[in-house]
């Protein structure tokens, strides 16, 4: 959650300070695929919070920039069981999400 909160805060600040260019925005998320639950939450609850945060953050950026925002998720692991959430995260953005195992 912290990483995405910071990501969207930085992008919002860049727009506010007019440091953002008029091009398409892309977010790159590189992960080992392991979701660490927030204190007193289940893994599923944390995943839902992340999905909601990313959906809201991307919607906000698209509204502000009037441009699509792309999310590239890459998971780095030989453990195939950890790739499900990064895939779901990419798919949650609709046609502007991409996932790959690297």
PDB file of N, CA and C in Angstrom:
ATOM      1  N   UNK A   1       0.813  -1.198   0.000  1.00  0.00           N
ATOM      2  CA  UNK A   1       0.000   0.000   0.000  1.00  0.00           C
ATOM      3  C   UNK A   1       0.857   1.263   0.000  1.00  0.00           C
ATOM      4  N   UNK A   2       1.910   1.249   0.794  1.00  0.00           N
ATOM      5  CA  UNK A   2       2.761   2.436   0.889  1.00  0.00           C
ATOM      6  C   UNK A   2       3.357   2.825  -0.461  1.00  0.00           C
ATOM      7  N   UNK A   3       3.792   1.820  -1.211  1.00  0.00           N
ATOM      8  CA  UNK A   3       4.420   2.111  -2.506  1.00  0.00           C
ATOM      9  C   UNK A   3       3.438   2.780  -3.458  1.00  0.00           C
ATOM     10  N   UNK A   4       2.207   2.288  -3.495  1.00  0.00           N
ATOM     11  CA  UNK A   4       1.225   2.893  -4.392  1.00  0.00           C
ATOM     12  C   UNK A   4       0.745   4.248  -3.873  1.00  0.00           C
ATOM     13  N   UNK A   5       0.606   4.405  -2.566  1.00  0.00           N
ATOM     14  CA  UNK A   5       0.268   5.727  -2.020  1.00  0.00           C
ATOM     15  C   UNK A   5       1.312   6.748  -2.439  1.00  0.00           C
ATOM     16  N   UNK A   6       2.582   6.377  -2.309  1.00  0.00           N
ATOM     17  CA  UNK A   6       3.676   7.283  -2.677  1.00  0.00           C
ATOM     18  C   UNK A   6       3.677   7.559  -4.186  1.00  0.00           C
ATOM     19  N   UNK A   7       3.461   6.518  -4.967  1.00  0.00           N
ATOM     20  CA  UNK A   7       3.433   6.669  -6.432  1.00  0.00           C
ATOM     21  C   UNK A   7       2.403   7.702  -6.853  1.00  0.00           C
ATOM     22  N   UNK A   8       1.172   7.540  -6.365  1.00  0.00           N
ATOM     23  CA  UNK A   8       0.111   8.457  -6.783  1.00  0.00           C
ATOM     24  C   UNK A   8       0.308   9.851  -6.192  1.00  0.00           C
ATOM     25  N   UNK A   9       0.900   9.949  -5.018  1.00  0.00           N
ATOM     26  CA  UNK A   9       1.208  11.263  -4.448  1.00  0.00           C
ATOM     27  C   UNK A   9       2.250  11.995  -5.295  1.00  0.00           C
ATOM     28  N   UNK A  10       3.286  11.291  -5.720  1.00  0.00           N
ATOM     29  CA  UNK A  10       4.326  11.897  -6.556  1.00  0.00           C
ATOM     30  C   UNK A  10       3.745  12.348  -7.902  1.00  0.00           C
ATOM     31  N   UNK A  11       2.929  11.498  -8.502  1.00  0.00           N
ATOM     32  CA  UNK A  11       2.327  11.867  -9.792  1.00  0.00           C
ATOM     33  C   UNK A  11       1.371  13.045  -9.637  1.00  0.00           C
ATOM     34  N   UNK A  12       0.568  13.061  -8.565  1.00  0.00           N
ATOM     35  CA  UNK A  12      -0.320  14.200  -8.315  1.00  0.00           C
ATOM     36  C   UNK A  12       0.485  15.482  -8.105  1.00  0.00           C
ATOM     37  N   UNK A  13       1.554  15.387  -7.323  1.00  0.00           N
ATOM     38  CA  UNK A  13       2.402  16.559  -7.086  1.00  0.00           C
ATOM     39  C   UNK A  13       3.024  17.066  -8.383  1.00  0.00           C
ATOM     40  N   UNK A  14       3.422  16.155  -9.255  1.00  0.00           N
ATOM     41  CA  UNK A  14       4.042  16.586 -10.513  1.00  0.00           C
ATOM     42  C   UNK A  14       3.032  17.331 -11.384  1.00  0.00           C
ATOM     43  N   UNK A  15       1.775  16.932 -11.303  1.00  0.00           N
ATOM     44  CA  UNK A  15       0.736  17.644 -12.049  1.00  0.00           C
ATOM     45  C   UNK A  15       0.498  19.010 -11.405  1.00  0.00           C
ATOM     46  N   UNK A  16       0.361  19.027 -10.077  1.00  0.00           N
ATOM     47  CA  UNK A  16       0.120  20.285  -9.356  1.00  0.00           C
ATOM     48  C   UNK A  16       1.221  21.307  -9.608  1.00  0.00           C
ATOM     49  N   UNK A  17       2.464  20.840  -9.678  1.00  0.00           N
ATOM     50  CA  UNK A  17       3.602  21.740  -9.857  1.00  0.00           C
ATOM     51  C   UNK A  17       3.937  21.968 -11.331  1.00  0.00           C
ATOM     52  N   UNK A  18       3.069  21.463 -12.193  1.00  0.00           N
ATOM     53  CA  UNK A  18       3.241  21.596 -13.637  1.00  0.00           C
ATOM     54  C   UNK A  18       4.556  21.010 -14.128  1.00  0.00           C
ATOM     55  N   UNK A  19       4.985  19.929 -13.493  1.00  0.00           N
ATOM     56  CA  UNK A  19       6.186  19.213 -13.924  1.00  0.00           C
ATOM     57  C   UNK A  19       5.827  18.008 -14.792  1.00  0.00           C
ATOM     58  N   UNK A  20       4.567  17.749 -14.895  1.00  0.00           N
ATOM     59  CA  UNK A  20       4.056  16.613 -15.663  1.00  0.00           C
ATOM     60  C   UNK A  20       3.923  17.022 -17.120  1.00  0.00           C
ATOM     61  N   UNK A  21       4.405  16.167 -18.011  1.00  0.00           N
ATOM     62  CA  UNK A  21       4.245  16.514 -19.420  1.00  0.00           C
ATOM     63  C   UNK A  21       2.874  16.072 -19.897  1.00  0.00           C
ATOM     64  N   UNK A  22       2.527  16.443 -21.083  1.00  0.00           N
ATOM     65  CA  UNK A  22       1.192  16.175 -21.628  1.00  0.00           C
ATOM     66  C   UNK A  22       1.092  14.794 -22.264  1.00  0.00           C
ATOM     67  N   UNK A  23       2.085  13.969 -22.062  1.00  0.00           N
ATOM     68  CA  UNK A  23       2.085  12.626 -22.647  1.00  0.00           C
ATOM     69  C   UNK A  23       1.312  11.650 -21.778  1.00  0.00           C
ATOM     70  N   UNK A  24       1.259  10.440 -22.235  1.00  0.00           N
ATOM     71  CA  UNK A  24       0.599   9.377 -21.492  1.00  0.00           C
ATOM     72  C   UNK A  24       1.429   9.013 -20.264  1.00  0.00           C
ATOM     73  N   UNK A  25       0.737   8.720 -19.175  1.00  0.00           N
ATOM     74  CA  UNK A  25       1.390   8.336 -17.928  1.00  0.00           C
ATOM     75  C   UNK A  25       1.441   6.815 -17.825  1.00  0.00           C
ATOM     76  N   UNK A  26       2.565   6.305 -17.356  1.00  0.00           N
ATOM     77  CA  UNK A  26       2.709   4.863 -17.136  1.00  0.00           C
ATOM     78  C   UNK A  26       3.321   4.638 -15.756  1.00  0.00           C
ATOM     79  N   UNK A  27       2.817   3.603 -15.095  1.00  0.00           N
ATOM     80  CA  UNK A  27       3.345   3.202 -13.792  1.00  0.00           C
ATOM     81  C   UNK A  27       3.939   1.816 -13.960  1.00  0.00           C
ATOM     82  N   UNK A  28       5.155   1.653 -13.513  1.00  0.00           N
ATOM     83  CA  UNK A  28       5.838   0.360 -13.565  1.00  0.00           C
ATOM     84  C   UNK A  28       5.888  -0.201 -12.155  1.00  0.00           C
ATOM     85  N   UNK A  29       5.373  -1.421 -11.991  1.00  0.00           N
ATOM     86  CA  UNK A  29       5.375  -2.079 -10.688  1.00  0.00           C
ATOM     87  C   UNK A  29       6.139  -3.385 -10.810  1.00  0.00           C
ATOM     88  N   UNK A  30       7.271  -3.452 -10.145  1.00  0.00           N
ATOM     89  CA  UNK A  30       8.124  -4.638 -10.146  1.00  0.00           C
ATOM     90  C   UNK A  30       8.012  -5.279  -8.773  1.00  0.00           C
ATOM     91  N   UNK A  31       7.664  -6.570  -8.725  1.00  0.00           N
ATOM     92  CA  UNK A  31       7.391  -7.217  -7.447  1.00  0.00           C
ATOM     93  C   UNK A  31       7.876  -8.652  -7.419  1.00  0.00           C
ATOM     94  N   UNK A  32       8.086  -9.157  -6.210  1.00  0.00           N
ATOM     95  CA  UNK A  32       8.347 -10.587  -6.047  1.00  0.00           C
ATOM     96  C   UNK A  32       7.034 -11.351  -5.978  1.00  0.00           C
ATOM     97  N   UNK A  33       5.913 -10.614  -6.009  1.00  0.00           N
ATOM     98  CA  UNK A  33       4.589 -11.220  -6.022  1.00  0.00           C
ATOM     99  C   UNK A  33       4.021 -11.531  -4.664  1.00  0.00           C
ATOM    100  N   UNK A  34       4.818 -11.415  -3.626  1.00  0.00           N
ATOM    101  CA  UNK A  34       4.357 -11.743  -2.282  1.00  0.00           C
ATOM    102  C   UNK A  34       3.638 -10.527  -1.696  1.00  0.00           C
ATOM    103  N   UNK A  35       2.383 -10.724  -1.285  1.00  0.00           N
ATOM    104  CA  UNK A  35       1.613  -9.661  -0.648  1.00  0.00           C
ATOM    105  C   UNK A  35       1.742  -9.825   0.861  1.00  0.00           C
ATOM    106  N   UNK A  36       2.269  -8.808   1.509  1.00  0.00           N
ATOM    107  CA  UNK A  36       2.401  -8.824   2.969  1.00  0.00           C
ATOM    108  C   UNK A  36       1.186  -8.138   3.565  1.00  0.00           C
ATOM    109  N   UNK A  37       0.359  -8.879   4.290  1.00  0.00           N
ATOM    110  CA  UNK A  37      -0.849  -8.272   4.866  1.00  0.00           C
ATOM    111  C   UNK A  37      -0.516  -7.124   5.819  1.00  0.00           C
ATOM    112  N   UNK A  38      -1.360  -6.105   5.761  1.00  0.00           N
ATOM    113  CA  UNK A  38      -1.257  -4.999   6.708  1.00  0.00           C
ATOM    114  C   UNK A  38      -1.681  -5.530   8.070  1.00  0.00           C
ATOM    115  N   UNK A  39      -1.151  -4.954   9.130  1.00  0.00           N
ATOM    116  CA  UNK A  39      -1.428  -5.425  10.485  1.00  0.00           C
ATOM    117  C   UNK A  39      -2.934  -5.645  10.699  1.00  0.00           C
ATOM    118  N   UNK A  40      -3.273  -6.764  11.287  1.00  0.00           N
ATOM    119  CA  UNK A  40      -4.653  -7.136  11.620  1.00  0.00           C
ATOM    120  C   UNK A  40      -5.544  -7.363  10.400  1.00  0.00           C
ATOM    121  N   UNK A  41      -4.976  -7.586   9.248  1.00  0.00           N
ATOM    122  CA  UNK A  41      -5.749  -7.867   8.041  1.00  0.00           C
ATOM    123  C   UNK A  41      -5.321  -9.204   7.465  1.00  0.00           C
ATOM    124  N   UNK A  42      -6.230  -9.801   6.713  1.00  0.00           N
ATOM    125  CA  UNK A  42      -5.874 -11.002   5.970  1.00  0.00           C
ATOM    126  C   UNK A  42      -5.194 -10.586   4.672  1.00  0.00           C
ATOM    127  N   UNK A  43      -4.544 -11.521   4.034  1.00  0.00           N
ATOM    128  CA  UNK A  43      -3.915 -11.250   2.738  1.00  0.00           C
ATOM    129  C   UNK A  43      -4.968 -10.765   1.748  1.00  0.00           C
ATOM    130  N   UNK A  44      -6.124 -11.381   1.761  1.00  0.00           N
ATOM    131  CA  UNK A  44      -7.215 -11.010   0.855  1.00  0.00           C
ATOM    132  C   UNK A  44      -7.687  -9.578   1.091  1.00  0.00           C
ATOM    133  N   UNK A  45      -7.786  -9.179   2.346  1.00  0.00           N
ATOM    134  CA  UNK A  45      -8.201  -7.807   2.660  1.00  0.00           C
ATOM    135  C   UNK A  45      -7.165  -6.796   2.169  1.00  0.00           C
ATOM    136  N   UNK A  46      -5.901  -7.113   2.341  1.00  0.00           N
ATOM    137  CA  UNK A  46      -4.842  -6.221   1.868  1.00  0.00           C
ATOM    138  C   UNK A  46      -4.857  -6.139   0.349  1.00  0.00           C
ATOM    139  N   UNK A  47      -5.028  -7.270  -0.323  1.00  0.00           N
ATOM    140  CA  UNK A  47      -5.102  -7.265  -1.785  1.00  0.00           C
ATOM    141  C   UNK A  47      -6.261  -6.391  -2.262  1.00  0.00           C
ATOM    142  N   UNK A  48      -7.399  -6.489  -1.601  1.00  0.00           N
ATOM    143  CA  UNK A  48      -8.557  -5.672  -1.978  1.00  0.00           C
ATOM    144  C   UNK A  48      -8.247  -4.196  -1.796  1.00  0.00           C
ATOM    145  N   UNK A  49      -7.582  -3.842  -0.698  1.00  0.00           N
ATOM    146  CA  UNK A  49      -7.197  -2.442  -0.477  1.00  0.00           C
ATOM    147  C   UNK A  49      -6.262  -1.942  -1.575  1.00  0.00           C
ATOM    148  N   UNK A  50      -5.317  -2.781  -1.971  1.00  0.00           N
ATOM    149  CA  UNK A  50      -4.379  -2.400  -3.029  1.00  0.00           C
ATOM    150  C   UNK A  50      -5.126  -2.199  -4.346  1.00  0.00           C
ATOM    151  N   UNK A  51      -5.987  -3.148  -4.692  1.00  0.00           N
ATOM    152  CA  UNK A  51      -6.765  -3.034  -5.931  1.00  0.00           C
ATOM    153  C   UNK A  51      -7.605  -1.758  -5.925  1.00  0.00           C
ATOM    154  N   UNK A  52      -8.275  -1.471  -4.812  1.00  0.00           N
ATOM    155  CA  UNK A  52      -9.099  -0.265  -4.713  1.00  0.00           C
ATOM    156  C   UNK A  52      -8.253   1.000  -4.830  1.00  0.00           C
ATOM    157  N   UNK A  53      -7.088   1.003  -4.172  1.00  0.00           N
ATOM    158  CA  UNK A  53      -6.197   2.160  -4.220  1.00  0.00           C
ATOM    159  C   UNK A  53      -5.699   2.409  -5.640  1.00  0.00           C
ATOM    160  N   UNK A  54      -5.276   1.356  -6.319  1.00  0.00           N
ATOM    161  CA  UNK A  54      -4.761   1.501  -7.681  1.00  0.00           C
ATOM    162  C   UNK A  54      -5.868   1.950  -8.634  1.00  0.00           C
ATOM    163  N   UNK A  55      -7.042   1.363  -8.510  1.00  0.00           N
ATOM    164  CA  UNK A  55      -8.164   1.759  -9.366  1.00  0.00           C
ATOM    165  C   UNK A  55      -8.504   3.233  -9.168  1.00  0.00           C
ATOM    166  N   UNK A  56      -8.593   3.661  -7.916  1.00  0.00           N
ATOM    167  CA  UNK A  56      -8.908   5.060  -7.626  1.00  0.00           C
ATOM    168  C   UNK A  56      -7.783   5.990  -8.083  1.00  0.00           C
ATOM    169  N   UNK A  57      -6.535   5.597  -7.842  1.00  0.00           N
ATOM    170  CA  UNK A  57      -5.400   6.425  -8.238  1.00  0.00           C
ATOM    171  C   UNK A  57      -5.311   6.616  -9.737  1.00  0.00           C
ATOM    172  N   UNK A  58      -5.523   5.538 -10.467  1.00  0.00           N
ATOM    173  CA  UNK A  58      -5.471   5.630 -11.929  1.00  0.00           C
ATOM    174  C   UNK A  58      -6.648   6.450 -12.453  1.00  0.00           C
ATOM    175  N   UNK A  59      -7.826   6.231 -11.903  1.00  0.00           N
ATOM    176  CA  UNK A  59      -9.003   7.015 -12.326  1.00  0.00           C
ATOM    177  C   UNK A  59      -8.782   8.504 -12.090  1.00  0.00           C
ATOM    178  N   UNK A  60      -8.218   8.841 -10.938  1.00  0.00           N
ATOM    179  CA  UNK A  60      -7.931  10.233 -10.620  1.00  0.00           C
ATOM    180  C   UNK A  60      -6.935  10.830 -11.609  1.00  0.00           C
ATOM    181  N   UNK A  61      -5.868  10.098 -11.890  1.00  0.00           N
ATOM    182  CA  UNK A  61      -4.864  10.605 -12.838  1.00  0.00           C
ATOM    183  C   UNK A  61      -5.451  10.774 -14.231  1.00  0.00           C
ATOM    184  N   UNK A  62      -6.249   9.817 -14.657  1.00  0.00           N
ATOM    185  CA  UNK A  62      -6.861   9.925 -15.992  1.00  0.00           C
ATOM    186  C   UNK A  62      -7.803  11.124 -16.069  1.00  0.00           C
ATOM    187  N   UNK A  63      -8.526  11.385 -14.985  1.00  0.00           N
ATOM    188  CA  UNK A  63      -9.421  12.541 -14.956  1.00  0.00           C
ATOM    189  C   UNK A  63      -8.636  13.845 -15.007  1.00  0.00           C
ATOM    190  N   UNK A  64      -7.525  13.881 -14.304  1.00  0.00           N
ATOM    191  CA  UNK A  64      -6.725  15.106 -14.254  1.00  0.00           C
ATOM    192  C   UNK A  64      -5.957  15.365 -15.537  1.00  0.00           C
ATOM    193  N   UNK A  65      -5.438  14.305 -16.163  1.00  0.00           N
ATOM    194  CA  UNK A  65      -4.599  14.484 -17.346  1.00  0.00           C
ATOM    195  C   UNK A  65      -5.373  14.368 -18.654  1.00  0.00           C
ATOM    196  N   UNK A  66      -6.580  13.826 -18.574  1.00  0.00           N
ATOM    197  CA  UNK A  66      -7.396  13.576 -19.769  1.00  0.00           C
ATOM    198  C   UNK A  66      -6.691  12.631 -20.749  1.00  0.00           C
ATOM    199  N   UNK A  67      -5.844  11.762 -20.179  1.00  0.00           N
ATOM    200  CA  UNK A  67      -5.082  10.785 -20.957  1.00  0.00           C
ATOM    201  C   UNK A  67      -5.174   9.432 -20.256  1.00  0.00           C
ATOM    202  N   UNK A  68      -5.006   8.345 -20.999  1.00  0.00           N
ATOM    203  CA  UNK A  68      -4.984   7.037 -20.337  1.00  0.00           C
ATOM    204  C   UNK A  68      -3.730   6.879 -19.478  1.00  0.00           C
ATOM    205  N   UNK A  69      -3.853   6.075 -18.444  1.00  0.00           N
ATOM    206  CA  UNK A  69      -2.725   5.739 -17.577  1.00  0.00           C
ATOM    207  C   UNK A  69      -2.516   4.241 -17.686  1.00  0.00           C
ATOM    208  N   UNK A  70      -1.301   3.855 -17.977  1.00  0.00           N
ATOM    209  CA  UNK A  70      -0.973   2.438 -18.148  1.00  0.00           C
ATOM    210  C   UNK A  70      -0.261   1.912 -16.907  1.00  0.00           C
ATOM    211  N   UNK A  71      -0.579   0.669 -16.557  1.00  0.00           N
ATOM    212  CA  UNK A  71       0.074  -0.003 -15.435  1.00  0.00           C
ATOM    213  C   UNK A  71       0.784  -1.237 -15.958  1.00  0.00           C
ATOM    214  N   UNK A  72       2.104  -1.252 -15.812  1.00  0.00           N
ATOM    215  CA  UNK A  72       2.916  -2.401 -16.198  1.00  0.00           C
ATOM    216  C   UNK A  72       3.334  -3.109 -14.924  1.00  0.00           C
ATOM    217  N   UNK A  73       2.911  -4.349 -14.753  1.00  0.00           N
ATOM    218  CA  UNK A  73       3.313  -5.125 -13.583  1.00  0.00           C
ATOM    219  C   UNK A  73       4.210  -6.264 -14.037  1.00  0.00           C
ATOM    220  N   UNK A  74       5.303  -6.426 -13.331  1.00  0.00           N
ATOM    221  CA  UNK A  74       6.252  -7.494 -13.611  1.00  0.00           C
ATOM    222  C   UNK A  74       6.519  -8.233 -12.314  1.00  0.00           C
ATOM    223  N   UNK A  75       6.365  -9.543 -12.339  1.00  0.00           N
ATOM    224  CA  UNK A  75       6.695 -10.315 -11.145  1.00  0.00           C
ATOM    225  C   UNK A  75       7.927 -11.151 -11.414  1.00  0.00           C
ATOM    226  N   UNK A  76       8.816 -11.121 -10.433  1.00  0.00           N
ATOM    227  CA  UNK A  76      10.095 -11.794 -10.533  1.00  0.00           C
ATOM    228  C   UNK A  76      10.125 -12.919  -9.508  1.00  0.00           C
ATOM    229  N   UNK A  77       9.867 -14.135  -9.963  1.00  0.00           N
ATOM    230  CA  UNK A  77       9.895 -15.277  -9.061  1.00  0.00           C
ATOM    231  C   UNK A  77       9.773 -16.560  -9.866  1.00  0.00           C
ATOM    232  N   UNK A  78      10.463 -17.593  -9.392  1.00  0.00           N
ATOM    233  CA  UNK A  78      10.297 -18.914  -9.984  1.00  0.00           C
ATOM    234  C   UNK A  78       9.119 -19.649  -9.353  1.00  0.00           C
ATOM    235  N   UNK A  79       8.562 -19.079  -8.291  1.00  0.00           N
ATOM    236  CA  UNK A  79       7.419 -19.655  -7.604  1.00  0.00           C
ATOM    237  C   UNK A  79       6.145 -19.198  -8.319  1.00  0.00           C
ATOM    238  N   UNK A  80       5.550 -20.068  -9.111  1.00  0.00           N
ATOM    239  CA  UNK A  80       4.390 -19.696  -9.916  1.00  0.00           C
ATOM    240  C   UNK A  80       3.178 -19.300  -9.098  1.00  0.00           C
ATOM    241  N   UNK A  81       3.122 -19.675  -7.842  1.00  0.00           N
ATOM    242  CA  UNK A  81       1.947 -19.351  -7.018  1.00  0.00           C
ATOM    243  C   UNK A  81       1.862 -17.869  -6.659  1.00  0.00           C
ATOM    244  N   UNK A  82       2.932 -17.108  -6.839  1.00  0.00           N
ATOM    245  CA  UNK A  82       2.914 -15.692  -6.452  1.00  0.00           C
ATOM    246  C   UNK A  82       2.556 -14.752  -7.604  1.00  0.00           C
ATOM    247  N   UNK A  83       2.277 -15.287  -8.768  1.00  0.00           N
ATOM    248  CA  UNK A  83       2.012 -14.433  -9.925  1.00  0.00           C
ATOM    249  C   UNK A  83       0.548 -14.034 -10.067  1.00  0.00           C
ATOM    250  N   UNK A  84      -0.340 -14.667  -9.317  1.00  0.00           N
ATOM    251  CA  UNK A  84      -1.773 -14.400  -9.476  1.00  0.00           C
ATOM    252  C   UNK A  84      -2.137 -12.948  -9.171  1.00  0.00           C
ATOM    253  N   UNK A  85      -1.669 -12.432  -8.041  1.00  0.00           N
ATOM    254  CA  UNK A  85      -2.062 -11.062  -7.684  1.00  0.00           C
ATOM    255  C   UNK A  85      -1.496 -10.014  -8.646  1.00  0.00           C
ATOM    256  N   UNK A  86      -0.234 -10.073  -9.040  1.00  0.00           N
ATOM    257  CA  UNK A  86       0.233  -9.088 -10.025  1.00  0.00           C
ATOM    258  C   UNK A  86      -0.577  -9.132 -11.329  1.00  0.00           C
ATOM    259  N   UNK A  87      -1.010 -10.315 -11.739  1.00  0.00           N
ATOM    260  CA  UNK A  87      -1.875 -10.429 -12.922  1.00  0.00           C
ATOM    261  C   UNK A  87      -3.210  -9.733 -12.674  1.00  0.00           C
ATOM    262  N   UNK A  88      -3.816 -10.019 -11.507  1.00  0.00           N
ATOM    263  CA  UNK A  88      -5.097  -9.395 -11.161  1.00  0.00           C
ATOM    264  C   UNK A  88      -4.968  -7.885 -11.106  1.00  0.00           C
ATOM    265  N   UNK A  89      -3.853  -7.423 -10.569  1.00  0.00           N
ATOM    266  CA  UNK A  89      -3.626  -5.985 -10.465  1.00  0.00           C
ATOM    267  C   UNK A  89      -3.591  -5.352 -11.853  1.00  0.00           C
ATOM    268  N   UNK A  90      -2.871  -5.956 -12.762  1.00  0.00           N
ATOM    269  CA  UNK A  90      -2.807  -5.436 -14.132  1.00  0.00           C
ATOM    270  C   UNK A  90      -4.180  -5.457 -14.795  1.00  0.00           C
ATOM    271  N   UNK A  91      -4.904  -6.543 -14.622  1.00  0.00           N
ATOM    272  CA  UNK A  91      -6.224  -6.674 -15.246  1.00  0.00           C
ATOM    273  C   UNK A  91      -7.243  -5.719 -14.636  1.00  0.00           C
ATOM    274  N   UNK A  92      -7.018  -5.288 -13.403  1.00  0.00           N
ATOM    275  CA  UNK A  92      -7.970  -4.389 -12.749  1.00  0.00           C
ATOM    276  C   UNK A  92      -8.040  -3.033 -13.430  1.00  0.00           C
ATOM    277  N   UNK A  93      -7.051  -2.711 -14.241  1.00  0.00           N
ATOM    278  CA  UNK A  93      -7.035  -1.422 -14.936  1.00  0.00           C
ATOM    279  C   UNK A  93      -7.714  -1.499 -16.296  1.00  0.00           C
ATOM    280  N   UNK A  94      -8.265  -2.654 -16.622  1.00  0.00           N
ATOM    281  CA  UNK A  94      -8.918  -2.809 -17.922  1.00  0.00           C
ATOM    282  C   UNK A  94      -7.890  -3.035 -19.005  1.00  0.00           C
ATOM    283  N   UNK A  95      -8.123  -2.407 -20.120  1.00  0.00           N
ATOM    284  CA  UNK A  95      -7.240  -2.642 -21.279  1.00  0.00           C
ATOM    285  C   UNK A  95      -5.897  -1.934 -21.170  1.00  0.00           C
ATOM    286  N   UNK A  96      -5.692  -1.165 -20.108  1.00  0.00           N
ATOM    287  CA  UNK A  96      -4.435  -0.429 -19.954  1.00  0.00           C
ATOM    288  C   UNK A  96      -3.475  -1.068 -18.971  1.00  0.00           C
ATOM    289  N   UNK A  97      -3.728  -2.334 -18.646  1.00  0.00           N
ATOM    290  CA  UNK A  97      -2.842  -3.042 -17.737  1.00  0.00           C
ATOM    291  C   UNK A  97      -2.087  -4.156 -18.439  1.00  0.00           C
ATOM    292  N   UNK A  98      -0.842  -4.339 -18.066  1.00  0.00           N
ATOM    293  CA  UNK A  98       0.003  -5.352 -18.668  1.00  0.00           C
ATOM    294  C   UNK A  98       0.739  -6.083 -17.558  1.00  0.00           C
ATOM    295  N   UNK A  99       0.879  -7.394 -17.686  1.00  0.00           N
ATOM    296  CA  UNK A  99       1.613  -8.190 -16.716  1.00  0.00           C
ATOM    297  C   UNK A  99       2.553  -9.138 -17.448  1.00  0.00           C
ATOM    298  N   UNK A 100       3.685  -9.382 -16.831  1.00  0.00           N
ATOM    299  CA  UNK A 100       4.606 -10.405 -17.350  1.00  0.00           C
ATOM    300  C   UNK A 100       5.450 -10.940 -16.201  1.00  0.00           C
ATOM    301  N   UNK A 101       5.756 -12.224 -16.288  1.00  0.00           N
ATOM    302  CA  UNK A 101       6.719 -12.829 -15.390  1.00  0.00           C
ATOM    303  C   UNK A 101       8.103 -12.623 -15.999  1.00  0.00           C
ATOM    304  N   UNK A 102       9.028 -12.159 -15.174  1.00  0.00           N
ATOM    305  CA  UNK A 102      10.402 -11.999 -15.692  1.00  0.00           C
ATOM    306  C   UNK A 102      11.369 -12.702 -14.775  1.00  0.00           C
TER     307      UNK A 102
END
